[in-house]
């Protein structure tokens, strides 16, 4: 069990957050399900009343791993969106839009 993924899973469960964080880390839905089952077997997570919650052992494990994996550097809090990045343009570049594509 990868400790970083386990820490992220425990935080998601504790905060009742979305699993998109785990998907951004490269986990598939099946891997997330396997990781959740491993956490249940290790008694970090309990399933009661159609809810998944952290056990006391899971809370302690999350705090222990938090020292190791918590993002302290503010620049790591928000991930850069590399898909929307455009190339740097020259200072003297003048943009002229295509007149056929303009609609008003």
Protein backbone atom coordinates (compact mmCIF):
# COMPACT_ATOMS: atom_id res chain seq x y z
CA UNK A 1 0.00 0.00 0.00
CA UNK A 2 1.51 3.32 -1.13
CA UNK A 3 1.69 5.63 1.90
CA UNK A 4 1.10 8.82 -0.09
CA UNK A 5 -2.03 7.38 -1.69
CA UNK A 6 -3.18 6.06 1.68
CA UNK A 7 -2.69 9.50 3.26
CA UNK A 8 -4.67 11.13 0.45
CA UNK A 9 -7.45 8.56 0.77
CA UNK A 10 -7.66 9.04 4.54
CA UNK A 11 -7.84 12.82 4.08
CA UNK A 12 -10.58 12.47 1.46
CA UNK A 13 -12.60 10.29 3.82
CA UNK A 14 -11.96 12.55 6.81
CA UNK A 15 -12.96 15.71 4.92
CA UNK A 16 -15.78 13.91 3.05
CA UNK A 17 -14.20 15.26 -0.13
CA UNK A 18 -14.21 14.28 -3.78
CA UNK A 19 -11.95 11.51 -5.11
CA UNK A 20 -10.69 13.71 -7.96
CA UNK A 21 -7.55 14.29 -5.91
CA UNK A 22 -6.76 10.58 -6.12
CA UNK A 23 -7.55 10.52 -9.83
CA UNK A 24 -5.14 13.44 -10.38
CA UNK A 25 -2.46 11.40 -8.63
CA UNK A 26 -2.89 8.78 -11.34
CA UNK A 27 -5.11 6.22 -9.61
CA UNK A 28 -7.91 4.52 -11.53
CA UNK A 29 -11.30 3.81 -9.99
CA UNK A 30 -10.37 0.15 -9.51
CA UNK A 31 -7.14 1.12 -7.71
CA UNK A 32 -9.10 3.50 -5.46
CA UNK A 33 -11.51 0.67 -4.62
CA UNK A 34 -8.60 -1.68 -3.85
CA UNK A 35 -6.96 0.96 -1.67
CA UNK A 36 -10.23 1.51 0.19
CA UNK A 37 -10.61 -2.23 0.77
CA UNK A 38 -7.04 -2.42 2.08
CA UNK A 39 -7.78 0.48 4.44
CA UNK A 40 -10.91 -1.31 5.70
CA UNK A 41 -8.93 -4.53 6.26
CA UNK A 42 -6.20 -2.59 8.10
CA UNK A 43 -8.99 -1.06 10.24
CA UNK A 44 -8.13 2.53 9.25
CA UNK A 45 -11.64 2.93 7.84
CA UNK A 46 -14.95 1.64 9.13
CA UNK A 47 -18.15 1.24 7.19
CA UNK A 48 -21.29 1.89 9.24
CA UNK A 49 -24.81 3.07 8.39
CA UNK A 50 -23.99 3.34 4.67
CA UNK A 51 -21.12 5.68 5.53
CA UNK A 52 -17.38 5.32 5.33
CA UNK A 53 -15.61 6.95 8.28
CA UNK A 54 -12.15 6.99 9.77
CA UNK A 55 -11.57 4.86 12.82
CA UNK A 56 -9.43 6.09 15.70
CA UNK A 57 -6.57 4.03 14.26
CA UNK A 58 -7.14 5.67 10.86
CA UNK A 59 -7.15 9.15 12.38
CA UNK A 60 -3.84 8.44 14.11
CA UNK A 61 -2.37 7.04 10.87
CA UNK A 62 -3.52 10.12 8.96
CA UNK A 63 -1.85 12.42 11.49
CA UNK A 64 1.32 10.31 11.38
CA UNK A 65 1.47 10.42 7.59
CA UNK A 66 0.50 14.11 7.59
CA UNK A 67 3.87 15.00 9.06
CA UNK A 68 5.53 13.26 6.14
CA UNK A 69 3.31 14.29 3.22
CA UNK A 70 1.57 17.55 4.16
CA UNK A 71 2.19 20.27 1.59
CA UNK A 72 3.73 23.18 3.43
CA UNK A 73 5.02 25.08 0.42
CA UNK A 74 2.22 27.39 -0.71
CA UNK A 75 3.17 26.99 -4.37
CA UNK A 76 2.23 23.29 -4.18
CA UNK A 77 -1.31 24.02 -2.94
CA UNK A 78 -2.64 24.85 -6.39
CA UNK A 79 -1.50 22.80 -9.34
CA UNK A 80 -0.57 24.63 -12.53
CA UNK A 81 -2.85 23.99 -15.49
CA UNK A 82 -0.39 23.13 -18.22
CA UNK A 83 -3.14 22.48 -20.78
CA UNK A 84 -4.08 26.17 -20.90
CA UNK A 85 -0.54 27.51 -21.05
CA UNK A 86 0.21 29.49 -24.21
CA UNK A 87 3.66 30.09 -25.68
CA UNK A 88 5.41 33.31 -24.75
CA UNK A 89 5.11 35.99 -27.40
CA UNK A 90 7.71 38.50 -28.49
CA UNK A 91 7.32 42.05 -27.17
CA UNK A 92 6.88 43.43 -30.67
CA UNK A 93 4.29 40.85 -31.75
CA UNK A 94 1.01 42.31 -32.97
CA UNK A 95 -2.00 40.03 -32.96
CA UNK A 96 -4.31 40.39 -35.91
CA UNK A 97 -7.40 38.17 -35.67
CA UNK A 98 -8.71 36.32 -38.68
CA UNK A 99 -11.57 38.45 -39.99
CA UNK A 100 -13.49 35.40 -41.22
CA UNK A 101 -13.65 33.91 -37.71
CA UNK A 102 -14.94 37.04 -35.97
CA UNK A 103 -18.60 37.02 -35.04
CA UNK A 104 -20.48 39.78 -33.28
